[in-house]
Amino acid sequence: MGSIFRPKPPALPPVQPAPEPPPAEISAEEKERIAKEQAAVERRRKGRKSTILTGPLGIQEDKDEKLETLLGK
């Protein structure tokens, strides 16, 4: 019954179109800075990767490459 006595809501305003995005032009300095950052990331990634001695299946070394220990051979 409440809908009979309630006023109608006002009409919604028309939807405006979205503005066009700015052109994706990057200056030479910006391209150089991005390239330097990516190179630095790659250098750091390679540095850490060389310190990992195990693979997904465990230690990946042959019997010939094993170091002899004092307790046994």
Protein backbone atom coordinates (compact mmCIF):
# COMPACT_ATOMS: atom_id res chain seq x y z
CA MET A 1 0.00 0.00 0.00
CA GLY A 2 2.94 2.27 0.51
CA SER A 3 3.56 2.54 -3.23
CA ILE A 4 0.30 4.44 -3.78
CA PHE A 5 1.27 7.30 -1.48
CA ARG A 6 4.98 7.46 -2.40
CA PRO A 7 6.03 10.04 -5.01
CA LYS A 8 7.72 8.77 -8.15
CA PRO A 9 11.54 9.09 -8.17
CA PRO A 10 12.97 11.74 -10.51
CA ALA A 11 14.23 10.63 -13.91
CA LEU A 12 17.94 9.83 -14.14
CA PRO A 13 20.15 12.26 -16.06
CA PRO A 14 21.48 11.03 -19.42
CA VAL A 15 24.76 9.11 -19.34
CA GLN A 16 27.74 11.00 -20.72
CA PRO A 17 30.18 9.12 -22.96
CA ALA A 18 33.56 8.25 -21.46
CA PRO A 19 36.40 10.58 -22.40
CA GLU A 20 38.96 9.24 -24.85
CA PRO A 21 42.25 8.12 -23.28
CA PRO A 22 45.33 10.24 -23.99
CA PRO A 23 47.70 9.00 -26.68
CA ALA A 24 50.27 6.47 -25.47
CA GLU A 25 53.34 8.36 -26.65
CA ILE A 26 56.43 7.91 -24.49
CA SER A 27 59.39 10.26 -24.69
CA ALA A 28 62.91 9.00 -25.42
CA GLU A 29 64.02 9.73 -21.85
CA GLU A 30 61.10 7.73 -20.46
CA LYS A 31 61.90 4.77 -22.76
CA GLU A 32 65.55 4.87 -21.67
CA ARG A 33 64.59 4.93 -17.98
CA ILE A 34 62.23 1.96 -18.43
CA ALA A 35 64.92 -0.01 -20.29
CA LYS A 36 67.44 0.65 -17.49
CA GLU A 37 64.96 -0.49 -14.82
CA GLN A 38 64.18 -3.70 -16.72
CA ALA A 39 67.89 -4.42 -17.24
CA ALA A 40 68.54 -3.96 -13.52
CA VAL A 41 65.72 -6.37 -12.66
CA GLU A 42 67.13 -8.97 -15.07
CA ARG A 43 70.63 -8.62 -13.57
CA ARG A 44 69.27 -9.14 -10.06
CA ARG A 45 67.19 -12.12 -11.19
CA LYS A 46 70.19 -13.81 -12.82
CA GLY A 47 72.30 -13.18 -9.73
CA ARG A 48 69.88 -14.96 -7.41
CA LYS A 49 69.26 -17.81 -9.83
CA SER A 50 72.92 -18.80 -9.88
CA THR A 51 72.91 -19.32 -6.10
CA ILE A 52 70.12 -21.89 -6.14
CA LEU A 53 71.72 -25.34 -6.07
CA THR A 54 68.61 -27.49 -6.14
CA GLY A 55 65.91 -28.04 -8.71
CA PRO A 56 62.33 -29.15 -8.39
CA LEU A 57 63.53 -32.76 -8.05
CA GLY A 58 66.16 -32.05 -5.37
CA ILE A 59 69.94 -31.81 -5.68
CA GLN A 60 70.97 -32.05 -9.33
CA GLU A 61 74.61 -33.17 -9.24
CA ASP A 62 76.34 -36.27 -10.49
CA LYS A 63 78.47 -38.61 -8.40
CA ASP A 64 81.59 -37.28 -10.12
CA GLU A 65 80.78 -33.70 -9.13
CA LYS A 66 80.25 -34.48 -5.43
CA LEU A 67 82.85 -33.23 -3.04
CA GLU A 68 84.63 -35.80 -0.91
CA THR A 69 83.91 -35.48 2.77
CA LEU A 70 86.16 -36.32 5.69
CA LEU A 71 83.78 -39.03 6.92
CA GLY A 72 83.63 -41.09 3.76
CA LYS A 73 83.85 -41.20 0.03
